[in-house]
Amino acid sequence: MPMYDYKCAKCGHMFEELVFSSTVDDNTIKCPVCAENKAKRQLSAPAIAVGGANFEPACEKPSCSTPVGYS
């Protein structure tokens, strides 16, 4: 169930909506402010999860704390 960003073409309100099917048409998404079916899906950045049991931050090693050539 992807989450999409929408903007209402009538009132300009921006909102997020969980979409249960890839076949959902923009005309079926109602604006929560004006209740019109004039929402258009917006281009948005993907959500990327980083972490987990084997995740190691980039500069936790001693080599990152001292620049090369310095002692």
C-alpha atoms as a PDB file:
ATOM      1  CA  MET A   1       0.000   0.000   0.000  1.00  0.00           C
ATOM      2  CA  PRO A   2       1.995   2.959  -1.221  1.00  0.00           C
ATOM      3  CA  MET A   3       1.475   6.456   0.125  1.00  0.00           C
ATOM      4  CA  TYR A   4       1.137   9.151  -2.524  1.00  0.00           C
ATOM      5  CA  ASP A   5       1.178  12.942  -2.329  1.00  0.00           C
ATOM      6  CA  TYR A   6      -1.782  14.705  -3.933  1.00  0.00           C
ATOM      7  CA  LYS A   7      -2.704  18.308  -4.653  1.00  0.00           C
ATOM      8  CA  CYS A   8      -6.296  19.396  -5.159  1.00  0.00           C
ATOM      9  CA  ALA A   9      -6.751  21.215  -8.472  1.00  0.00           C
ATOM     10  CA  LYS A  10      -9.730  23.130  -7.054  1.00  0.00           C
ATOM     11  CA  CYS A  11      -8.543  24.450  -3.660  1.00  0.00           C
ATOM     12  CA  GLY A  12      -4.768  23.764  -3.844  1.00  0.00           C
ATOM     13  CA  HIS A  13      -4.658  21.685  -0.643  1.00  0.00           C
ATOM     14  CA  MET A  14      -1.763  19.179  -0.510  1.00  0.00           C
ATOM     15  CA  PHE A  15      -2.319  15.857   1.279  1.00  0.00           C
ATOM     16  CA  GLU A  16      -1.152  12.242   1.469  1.00  0.00           C
ATOM     17  CA  GLU A  17      -3.299   9.240   0.643  1.00  0.00           C
ATOM     18  CA  LEU A  18      -2.788   5.494   1.066  1.00  0.00           C
ATOM     19  CA  VAL A  19      -3.613   3.857  -2.251  1.00  0.00           C
ATOM     20  CA  PHE A  20      -4.731   0.230  -2.116  1.00  0.00           C
ATOM     21  CA  SER A  21      -4.466  -0.485  -5.850  1.00  0.00           C
ATOM     22  CA  SER A  22      -2.256   0.671  -8.704  1.00  0.00           C
ATOM     23  CA  THR A  23      -5.389   0.970 -10.853  1.00  0.00           C
ATOM     24  CA  VAL A  24      -6.840   3.822  -8.769  1.00  0.00           C
ATOM     25  CA  ASP A  25      -7.602   6.822 -10.946  1.00  0.00           C
ATOM     26  CA  ASP A  26      -6.891  10.332  -9.639  1.00  0.00           C
ATOM     27  CA  ASN A  27     -10.608  11.093 -10.132  1.00  0.00           C
ATOM     28  CA  THR A  28     -11.470   8.712  -7.271  1.00  0.00           C
ATOM     29  CA  ILE A  29      -9.290  10.523  -4.699  1.00  0.00           C
ATOM     30  CA  LYS A  30     -11.267  13.151  -2.764  1.00  0.00           C
ATOM     31  CA  CYS A  31      -9.709  16.256  -1.281  1.00  0.00           C
ATOM     32  CA  PRO A  32     -10.164  16.229   2.523  1.00  0.00           C
ATOM     33  CA  VAL A  33     -10.770  20.009   2.532  1.00  0.00           C
ATOM     34  CA  CYS A  34     -13.245  20.668  -0.290  1.00  0.00           C
ATOM     35  CA  ALA A  35     -14.350  17.034  -0.973  1.00  0.00           C
ATOM     36  CA  GLU A  36     -13.911  17.434  -4.740  1.00  0.00           C
ATOM     37  CA  ASN A  37     -12.517  14.608  -6.897  1.00  0.00           C
ATOM     38  CA  LYS A  38      -9.955  16.914  -8.470  1.00  0.00           C
ATOM     39  CA  ALA A  39      -6.782  15.657  -6.775  1.00  0.00           C
ATOM     40  CA  LYS A  40      -3.681  15.132  -8.907  1.00  0.00           C
ATOM     41  CA  ARG A  41      -0.824  12.887  -7.835  1.00  0.00           C
ATOM     42  CA  GLN A  42       2.403  14.816  -7.210  1.00  0.00           C
ATOM     43  CA  LEU A  43       5.958  13.718  -7.862  1.00  0.00           C
ATOM     44  CA  SER A  44       7.607  12.900  -4.538  1.00  0.00           C
ATOM     45  CA  ALA A  45      10.835  11.393  -3.255  1.00  0.00           C
ATOM     46  CA  PRO A  46      10.795   7.740  -2.209  1.00  0.00           C
ATOM     47  CA  ALA A  47      11.070   6.796   1.454  1.00  0.00           C
ATOM     48  CA  ILE A  48      14.308   4.922   2.083  1.00  0.00           C
ATOM     49  CA  ALA A  49      14.910   3.115   5.365  1.00  0.00           C
ATOM     50  CA  VAL A  50      18.522   2.825   6.519  1.00  0.00           C
ATOM     51  CA  GLY A  51      19.526   0.797   9.506  1.00  0.00           C
ATOM     52  CA  GLY A  52      19.051  -2.588  11.017  1.00  0.00           C
ATOM     53  CA  ALA A  53      21.158  -5.090  12.922  1.00  0.00           C
ATOM     54  CA  ASN A  54      24.154  -4.838  10.557  1.00  0.00           C
ATOM     55  CA  PHE A  55      23.980  -1.093   9.968  1.00  0.00           C
ATOM     56  CA  GLU A  56      27.210   0.770  10.684  1.00  0.00           C
ATOM     57  CA  PRO A  57      27.283   4.588  10.494  1.00  0.00           C
ATOM     58  CA  ALA A  58      29.789   6.033   8.017  1.00  0.00           C
ATOM     59  CA  CYS A  59      32.198   7.692  10.484  1.00  0.00           C
ATOM     60  CA  GLU A  60      32.216   5.596  13.626  1.00  0.00           C
ATOM     61  CA  LYS A  61      35.643   4.125  12.917  1.00  0.00           C
ATOM     62  CA  PRO A  62      38.825   5.818  14.257  1.00  0.00           C
ATOM     63  CA  SER A  63      40.020   6.438  10.681  1.00  0.00           C
ATOM     64  CA  CYS A  64      37.220   8.979  10.230  1.00  0.00           C
ATOM     65  CA  SER A  65      38.012  10.969  13.358  1.00  0.00           C
ATOM     66  CA  THR A  66      41.551  11.981  12.343  1.00  0.00           C
ATOM     67  CA  PRO A  67      42.172  13.468   8.873  1.00  0.00           C
ATOM     68  CA  VAL A  68      44.860  11.821   6.745  1.00  0.00           C
ATOM     69  CA  GLY A  69      48.275  13.393   7.342  1.00  0.00           C
ATOM     70  CA  TYR A  70      47.455  14.538  10.891  1.00  0.00           C
ATOM     71  CA  SER A  71      48.452  12.740  14.069  1.00  0.00           C
END
